[in-house]
C-alpha cells in the first residue's frame, strides 16, 4: 500500500468508544494510519470517564470533541469500524467494515470504563497488525 491506510470509528454519540479507539489508534500506530472518528448523533462533549480512563494509560483526550458522521468521512476511509450505530452508518461497497460489540460507557464511572478501554486497546492492536506490515 503506497499511501497510509485510513480508519473511521463510528458510534452513536462519538463520546466514548469511538473516541477511545481513535486515540489508541493514533498513539499506537505512530502516524502509520490515518484516523477518524464520528457519531451519527454526536454528544455535546466527550465522556469524562472515558477521558479519565485514557489519561490513566497516558493518552490525553481532553481536547477532543464529538464529530458528526459524514458520507465523505466514510468514502475517504479504507476501514469503517462501527460500535453500535446500527443502520445509521452509510455503506459503500469495497470498504472493509467491522462491527465491534462493546459495552457503551455512557453514564458509567471510570471503574466501569476501564475494562471497555482495555478491550478496545486489544482490538486496536490487532487492527494495526492487520493494516501495517511488521518491519
N, C-alpha and C. Protein backbone atom coordinates (compact mmCIF):
# COMPACT_ATOMS: atom_id res chain seq x y z
N UNK A 1 0.85 -1.17 0.00
CA UNK A 1 0.00 0.00 0.00
C UNK A 1 0.90 1.24 0.00
N UNK A 2 0.76 2.08 -1.01
CA UNK A 2 1.65 3.23 -1.13
C UNK A 2 1.25 4.38 -0.22
N UNK A 3 -0.02 4.47 0.08
CA UNK A 3 -0.46 5.54 0.97
C UNK A 3 -0.87 4.93 2.32
N UNK A 4 -1.02 5.82 3.28
CA UNK A 4 -1.42 5.35 4.61
C UNK A 4 -2.84 4.80 4.56
N UNK A 5 -3.07 3.65 5.22
CA UNK A 5 -4.46 3.20 5.35
C UNK A 5 -5.22 4.16 6.26
N UNK A 6 -6.53 4.25 6.07
CA UNK A 6 -7.33 5.13 6.91
C UNK A 6 -8.46 4.35 7.55
N UNK A 7 -8.74 4.72 8.80
CA UNK A 7 -9.75 4.03 9.60
C UNK A 7 -10.72 5.06 10.17
N UNK A 8 -12.00 4.73 10.10
CA UNK A 8 -13.05 5.56 10.69
C UNK A 8 -13.76 4.75 11.77
N UNK A 9 -13.79 5.28 12.99
CA UNK A 9 -14.53 4.66 14.09
C UNK A 9 -15.85 5.40 14.24
N UNK A 10 -16.95 4.66 14.28
CA UNK A 10 -18.27 5.28 14.35
C UNK A 10 -19.07 4.68 15.50
N UNK A 11 -19.64 5.54 16.35
CA UNK A 11 -20.64 5.12 17.31
C UNK A 11 -21.72 6.20 17.33
N UNK A 12 -22.73 6.04 18.11
CA UNK A 12 -23.85 6.99 18.06
C UNK A 12 -23.41 8.39 18.51
N UNK A 13 -22.81 8.49 19.69
CA UNK A 13 -22.53 9.81 20.25
C UNK A 13 -21.11 10.31 20.05
N UNK A 14 -20.20 9.45 19.55
CA UNK A 14 -18.80 9.83 19.36
C UNK A 14 -18.24 10.48 20.63
N UNK A 15 -18.60 9.89 21.77
CA UNK A 15 -18.19 10.47 23.04
C UNK A 15 -17.41 9.51 23.92
N UNK A 16 -17.38 8.22 23.57
CA UNK A 16 -16.72 7.23 24.43
C UNK A 16 -15.92 6.23 23.62
N UNK A 17 -16.60 5.17 23.18
CA UNK A 17 -15.91 4.06 22.49
C UNK A 17 -15.12 4.51 21.28
N UNK A 18 -15.75 5.24 20.38
CA UNK A 18 -15.06 5.64 19.15
C UNK A 18 -13.93 6.62 19.44
N UNK A 19 -14.10 7.46 20.44
CA UNK A 19 -13.04 8.40 20.81
C UNK A 19 -11.84 7.65 21.40
N UNK A 20 -12.11 6.66 22.28
CA UNK A 20 -11.01 5.88 22.86
C UNK A 20 -10.28 5.10 21.77
N UNK A 21 -11.04 4.49 20.86
CA UNK A 21 -10.43 3.71 19.78
C UNK A 21 -9.56 4.60 18.90
N UNK A 22 -10.06 5.77 18.55
CA UNK A 22 -9.29 6.70 17.72
C UNK A 22 -8.02 7.15 18.44
N UNK A 23 -8.13 7.43 19.73
CA UNK A 23 -6.95 7.87 20.50
C UNK A 23 -5.91 6.75 20.58
N UNK A 24 -6.36 5.51 20.82
CA UNK A 24 -5.41 4.39 20.84
C UNK A 24 -4.76 4.21 19.48
N UNK A 25 -5.57 4.24 18.40
CA UNK A 25 -5.00 4.01 17.07
C UNK A 25 -4.02 5.11 16.70
N UNK A 26 -4.34 6.35 17.00
CA UNK A 26 -3.43 7.46 16.72
C UNK A 26 -2.11 7.26 17.46
N UNK A 27 -2.19 6.90 18.73
CA UNK A 27 -0.99 6.74 19.56
C UNK A 27 -0.19 5.50 19.16
N UNK A 28 -0.87 4.36 19.07
CA UNK A 28 -0.16 3.09 18.87
C UNK A 28 0.34 2.90 17.43
N UNK A 29 -0.30 3.53 16.45
CA UNK A 29 0.16 3.37 15.06
C UNK A 29 1.29 4.35 14.73
N UNK A 30 1.55 5.28 15.61
CA UNK A 30 2.63 6.26 15.46
C UNK A 30 2.60 6.94 14.08
N UNK A 31 1.40 7.32 13.64
CA UNK A 31 1.27 8.04 12.39
C UNK A 31 1.19 7.19 11.14
N UNK A 32 1.23 5.87 11.28
CA UNK A 32 1.21 4.98 10.11
C UNK A 32 -0.20 4.82 9.54
N UNK A 33 -1.21 5.23 10.31
CA UNK A 33 -2.60 5.08 9.89
C UNK A 33 -3.33 6.41 10.09
N UNK A 34 -4.10 6.80 9.09
CA UNK A 34 -4.94 7.99 9.21
C UNK A 34 -6.17 7.62 10.03
N UNK A 35 -6.50 8.43 11.02
CA UNK A 35 -7.56 8.08 11.98
C UNK A 35 -8.66 9.12 11.98
N UNK A 36 -9.91 8.63 11.92
CA UNK A 36 -11.09 9.49 12.04
C UNK A 36 -12.05 8.85 13.04
N UNK A 37 -12.89 9.68 13.64
CA UNK A 37 -13.99 9.14 14.44
C UNK A 37 -15.18 10.09 14.29
N UNK A 38 -16.37 9.53 14.42
CA UNK A 38 -17.57 10.34 14.25
C UNK A 38 -18.75 9.62 14.89
N UNK A 39 -19.86 10.35 15.01
CA UNK A 39 -21.08 9.79 15.57
C UNK A 39 -22.29 10.15 14.74
N UNK A 40 -23.25 9.26 14.73
CA UNK A 40 -24.48 9.53 13.97
C UNK A 40 -25.33 10.59 14.68
N UNK A 41 -25.19 10.68 16.00
CA UNK A 41 -25.87 11.71 16.80
C UNK A 41 -24.89 12.21 17.86
N UNK A 42 -23.91 13.02 17.46
CA UNK A 42 -22.83 13.40 18.38
C UNK A 42 -23.32 14.06 19.66
N UNK A 43 -22.66 13.71 20.75
CA UNK A 43 -22.95 14.32 22.06
C UNK A 43 -22.35 15.73 22.10
N UNK A 44 -22.61 16.44 23.19
CA UNK A 44 -22.06 17.78 23.36
C UNK A 44 -20.58 17.75 23.74
N UNK A 45 -20.18 16.67 24.43
CA UNK A 45 -18.78 16.57 24.87
C UNK A 45 -18.40 15.10 25.01
N UNK A 46 -17.10 14.86 25.08
CA UNK A 46 -16.59 13.51 25.27
C UNK A 46 -16.85 13.09 26.72
N UNK A 47 -17.18 11.83 26.89
CA UNK A 47 -17.48 11.26 28.20
C UNK A 47 -16.30 11.49 29.16
N UNK A 48 -16.52 12.19 30.28
CA UNK A 48 -15.42 12.46 31.21
C UNK A 48 -14.78 11.19 31.77
N UNK A 49 -15.56 10.13 31.96
CA UNK A 49 -14.98 8.88 32.47
C UNK A 49 -14.06 8.25 31.42
N UNK A 50 -14.39 8.41 30.15
CA UNK A 50 -13.51 7.90 29.08
C UNK A 50 -12.22 8.72 29.05
N UNK A 51 -12.33 10.03 29.19
CA UNK A 51 -11.15 10.90 29.23
C UNK A 51 -10.25 10.49 30.40
N UNK A 52 -10.85 10.26 31.57
CA UNK A 52 -10.08 9.88 32.76
C UNK A 52 -9.43 8.51 32.58
N UNK A 53 -10.17 7.55 32.03
CA UNK A 53 -9.63 6.20 31.83
C UNK A 53 -8.45 6.22 30.86
N UNK A 54 -8.54 7.03 29.82
CA UNK A 54 -7.44 7.12 28.85
C UNK A 54 -6.24 7.84 29.46
N UNK A 55 -6.49 8.86 30.29
CA UNK A 55 -5.39 9.56 30.96
C UNK A 55 -4.59 8.60 31.84
N UNK A 56 -5.27 7.61 32.42
CA UNK A 56 -4.59 6.62 33.26
C UNK A 56 -3.54 5.82 32.47
N UNK A 57 -3.73 5.71 31.16
CA UNK A 57 -2.76 4.98 30.33
C UNK A 57 -1.91 5.93 29.49
N UNK A 58 -1.91 7.21 29.89
CA UNK A 58 -1.03 8.19 29.27
C UNK A 58 -1.50 8.81 27.98
N UNK A 59 -2.81 8.72 27.69
CA UNK A 59 -3.34 9.31 26.46
C UNK A 59 -4.32 10.42 26.83
N UNK A 60 -4.04 11.64 26.36
CA UNK A 60 -4.86 12.80 26.69
C UNK A 60 -5.94 13.02 25.63
N UNK A 61 -7.19 12.82 26.00
CA UNK A 61 -8.32 13.07 25.10
C UNK A 61 -9.10 14.31 25.51
N UNK A 62 -8.58 15.09 26.43
CA UNK A 62 -9.35 16.21 27.00
C UNK A 62 -9.73 17.27 25.98
N UNK A 63 -8.99 17.39 24.89
CA UNK A 63 -9.29 18.41 23.89
C UNK A 63 -10.21 17.90 22.77
N UNK A 64 -10.54 16.62 22.79
CA UNK A 64 -11.37 16.05 21.72
C UNK A 64 -12.81 16.51 21.84
N UNK A 65 -13.47 16.61 20.68
CA UNK A 65 -14.89 16.95 20.66
C UNK A 65 -15.61 15.96 19.74
N UNK A 66 -16.84 15.59 20.08
CA UNK A 66 -17.60 14.69 19.21
C UNK A 66 -17.85 15.34 17.84
N UNK A 67 -17.76 14.52 16.80
CA UNK A 67 -17.93 15.00 15.44
C UNK A 67 -19.08 14.26 14.78
N UNK A 68 -19.74 14.92 13.85
CA UNK A 68 -20.87 14.31 13.15
C UNK A 68 -20.36 13.42 12.01
N UNK A 69 -21.01 12.29 11.85
CA UNK A 69 -20.68 11.36 10.79
C UNK A 69 -21.10 11.94 9.45
N UNK A 70 -20.17 11.95 8.49
CA UNK A 70 -20.48 12.43 7.15
C UNK A 70 -20.24 11.32 6.14
N UNK A 71 -20.93 11.40 5.04
CA UNK A 71 -20.73 10.45 3.95
C UNK A 71 -19.29 10.54 3.45
N UNK A 72 -18.73 11.73 3.42
CA UNK A 72 -17.36 11.93 2.95
C UNK A 72 -16.37 11.18 3.83
N UNK A 73 -16.57 11.21 5.15
CA UNK A 73 -15.66 10.50 6.05
C UNK A 73 -15.66 9.01 5.75
N UNK A 74 -16.83 8.47 5.46
CA UNK A 74 -16.91 7.04 5.13
C UNK A 74 -16.23 6.78 3.79
N UNK A 75 -16.51 7.60 2.80
CA UNK A 75 -15.91 7.43 1.47
C UNK A 75 -14.39 7.47 1.53
N UNK A 76 -13.85 8.34 2.37
CA UNK A 76 -12.40 8.55 2.45
C UNK A 76 -11.69 7.51 3.30
N UNK A 77 -12.40 6.61 3.94
CA UNK A 77 -11.80 5.63 4.84
C UNK A 77 -11.72 4.26 4.18
N UNK A 78 -10.63 3.56 4.45
CA UNK A 78 -10.45 2.20 3.95
C UNK A 78 -11.19 1.20 4.84
N UNK A 79 -11.18 1.46 6.13
CA UNK A 79 -11.80 0.58 7.12
C UNK A 79 -12.79 1.41 7.93
N UNK A 80 -14.01 0.90 8.06
CA UNK A 80 -15.04 1.56 8.87
C UNK A 80 -15.41 0.60 10.00
N UNK A 81 -15.18 1.04 11.23
CA UNK A 81 -15.47 0.22 12.39
C UNK A 81 -16.64 0.84 13.14
N UNK A 82 -17.73 0.10 13.19
CA UNK A 82 -18.92 0.59 13.87
C UNK A 82 -18.99 0.01 15.28
N UNK A 83 -19.62 0.77 16.14
CA UNK A 83 -19.74 0.40 17.55
C UNK A 83 -21.15 0.74 18.01
N UNK A 84 -22.09 -0.01 17.54
CA UNK A 84 -23.46 0.20 17.99
C UNK A 84 -24.22 1.30 17.30
N UNK A 85 -23.85 1.66 16.07
CA UNK A 85 -24.63 2.72 15.40
C UNK A 85 -25.70 2.14 14.50
N UNK A 86 -25.75 0.83 14.38
CA UNK A 86 -26.83 0.18 13.65
C UNK A 86 -26.90 0.57 12.20
N UNK A 87 -28.11 0.80 11.72
CA UNK A 87 -28.33 1.09 10.30
C UNK A 87 -28.05 2.55 9.94
N UNK A 88 -27.63 3.35 10.90
CA UNK A 88 -27.39 4.76 10.61
C UNK A 88 -26.05 4.99 9.91
N UNK A 89 -25.21 3.97 9.81
CA UNK A 89 -23.91 4.12 9.17
C UNK A 89 -24.05 3.90 7.67
N UNK A 90 -23.56 4.86 6.86
CA UNK A 90 -23.62 4.65 5.42
C UNK A 90 -22.76 3.47 5.00
N UNK A 91 -23.18 2.79 3.94
CA UNK A 91 -22.45 1.63 3.46
C UNK A 91 -21.99 1.89 2.03
N UNK A 92 -20.71 1.64 1.77
CA UNK A 92 -20.15 1.74 0.43
C UNK A 92 -19.46 0.44 0.09
N UNK A 93 -19.82 -0.18 -1.02
CA UNK A 93 -19.17 -1.43 -1.43
C UNK A 93 -17.66 -1.23 -1.57
N UNK A 94 -16.91 -2.26 -1.25
CA UNK A 94 -15.46 -2.21 -1.39
C UNK A 94 -14.73 -1.75 -0.15
N UNK A 95 -15.44 -1.29 0.83
CA UNK A 95 -14.81 -0.89 2.10
C UNK A 95 -14.78 -2.10 3.03
N UNK A 96 -13.81 -2.10 3.90
CA UNK A 96 -13.76 -3.13 4.95
C UNK A 96 -14.56 -2.61 6.14
N UNK A 97 -15.59 -3.34 6.50
CA UNK A 97 -16.43 -2.98 7.65
C UNK A 97 -16.24 -4.00 8.76
N UNK A 98 -16.15 -3.51 9.98
CA UNK A 98 -16.14 -4.37 11.16
C UNK A 98 -17.12 -3.76 12.16
N UNK A 99 -17.82 -4.62 12.87
CA UNK A 99 -18.70 -4.15 13.94
C UNK A 99 -18.13 -4.66 15.25
N UNK A 100 -17.66 -3.75 16.08
CA UNK A 100 -17.12 -4.11 17.38
C UNK A 100 -18.24 -4.00 18.41
N UNK A 101 -18.62 -5.13 18.98
CA UNK A 101 -19.66 -5.13 20.01
C UNK A 101 -18.98 -4.83 21.34
N UNK A 102 -19.22 -3.64 21.83
CA UNK A 102 -18.60 -3.16 23.07
C UNK A 102 -19.67 -2.53 23.95
N UNK A 103 -19.51 -2.69 25.24
CA UNK A 103 -20.43 -2.05 26.17
C UNK A 103 -20.33 -0.54 26.02
N UNK A 104 -21.44 0.15 26.11
CA UNK A 104 -21.46 1.61 25.99
C UNK A 104 -21.04 2.21 27.34
N UNK A 105 -19.99 3.05 27.35
CA UNK A 105 -19.55 3.65 28.61
C UNK A 105 -20.40 4.83 29.08
N UNK A 106 -21.41 5.22 28.33
CA UNK A 106 -22.24 6.37 28.70
C UNK A 106 -22.85 6.17 30.08
N UNK A 107 -22.68 7.19 30.92
CA UNK A 107 -23.28 7.17 32.26
C UNK A 107 -22.55 6.31 33.27
N UNK A 108 -21.43 5.72 32.88
CA UNK A 108 -20.67 4.85 33.79
C UNK A 108 -19.48 5.60 34.38
N UNK A 109 -19.06 5.15 35.55
CA UNK A 109 -17.88 5.72 36.17
C UNK A 109 -16.61 5.11 35.59
N UNK A 110 -15.47 5.67 35.96
CA UNK A 110 -14.20 5.23 35.39
C UNK A 110 -13.92 3.75 35.68
N UNK A 111 -14.40 3.24 36.84
CA UNK A 111 -14.16 1.83 37.17
C UNK A 111 -14.81 0.92 36.12
N UNK A 112 -15.98 1.31 35.63
CA UNK A 112 -16.68 0.52 34.62
C UNK A 112 -16.14 0.76 33.22
N UNK A 113 -15.48 1.89 33.01
CA UNK A 113 -14.95 2.22 31.68
C UNK A 113 -13.60 1.53 31.45
N UNK A 114 -12.85 1.26 32.50
CA UNK A 114 -11.52 0.64 32.33
C UNK A 114 -11.56 -0.66 31.54
N UNK A 115 -12.46 -1.62 31.84
CA UNK A 115 -12.48 -2.86 31.04
C UNK A 115 -12.84 -2.61 29.57
N UNK A 116 -13.70 -1.63 29.31
CA UNK A 116 -14.06 -1.28 27.93
C UNK A 116 -12.82 -0.73 27.23
N UNK A 117 -12.12 0.16 27.91
CA UNK A 117 -10.87 0.74 27.38
C UNK A 117 -9.87 -0.36 27.04
N UNK A 118 -9.70 -1.30 27.94
CA UNK A 118 -8.71 -2.36 27.73
C UNK A 118 -9.11 -3.28 26.57
N UNK A 119 -10.40 -3.54 26.43
CA UNK A 119 -10.92 -4.34 25.31
C UNK A 119 -10.63 -3.60 24.00
N UNK A 120 -10.90 -2.30 23.97
CA UNK A 120 -10.65 -1.50 22.77
C UNK A 120 -9.17 -1.52 22.42
N UNK A 121 -8.31 -1.39 23.41
CA UNK A 121 -6.86 -1.39 23.13
C UNK A 121 -6.45 -2.68 22.44
N UNK A 122 -6.91 -3.82 22.92
CA UNK A 122 -6.57 -5.10 22.30
C UNK A 122 -7.07 -5.19 20.87
N UNK A 123 -8.27 -4.69 20.62
CA UNK A 123 -8.83 -4.71 19.27
C UNK A 123 -8.03 -3.79 18.34
N UNK A 124 -7.62 -2.62 18.86
CA UNK A 124 -6.84 -1.68 18.06
C UNK A 124 -5.48 -2.28 17.72
N UNK A 125 -4.86 -2.96 18.68
CA UNK A 125 -3.56 -3.59 18.40
C UNK A 125 -3.70 -4.63 17.29
N UNK A 126 -4.76 -5.42 17.30
CA UNK A 126 -5.00 -6.40 16.24
C UNK A 126 -5.27 -5.70 14.92
N UNK A 127 -6.00 -4.60 14.95
CA UNK A 127 -6.27 -3.82 13.73
C UNK A 127 -4.97 -3.30 13.11
N UNK A 128 -4.11 -2.75 13.95
CA UNK A 128 -2.82 -2.25 13.45
C UNK A 128 -2.04 -3.38 12.79
N UNK A 129 -2.01 -4.54 13.43
CA UNK A 129 -1.27 -5.68 12.88
C UNK A 129 -1.83 -6.09 11.51
N UNK A 130 -3.13 -5.89 11.30
CA UNK A 130 -3.73 -6.27 10.03
C UNK A 130 -3.53 -5.22 8.94
N UNK A 131 -3.19 -3.99 9.32
CA UNK A 131 -3.06 -2.90 8.35
C UNK A 131 -1.62 -2.48 8.05
N UNK A 132 -0.74 -2.67 9.02
CA UNK A 132 0.64 -2.20 8.87
C UNK A 132 1.58 -3.40 8.91
N UNK A 133 2.32 -3.63 7.82
CA UNK A 133 3.24 -4.77 7.82
C UNK A 133 4.31 -4.62 8.89
N UNK A 134 4.65 -5.71 9.53
CA UNK A 134 5.70 -5.69 10.56
C UNK A 134 7.05 -5.41 9.89
N UNK A 135 7.86 -4.64 10.56
CA UNK A 135 9.18 -4.30 9.99
C UNK A 135 10.19 -5.37 10.30
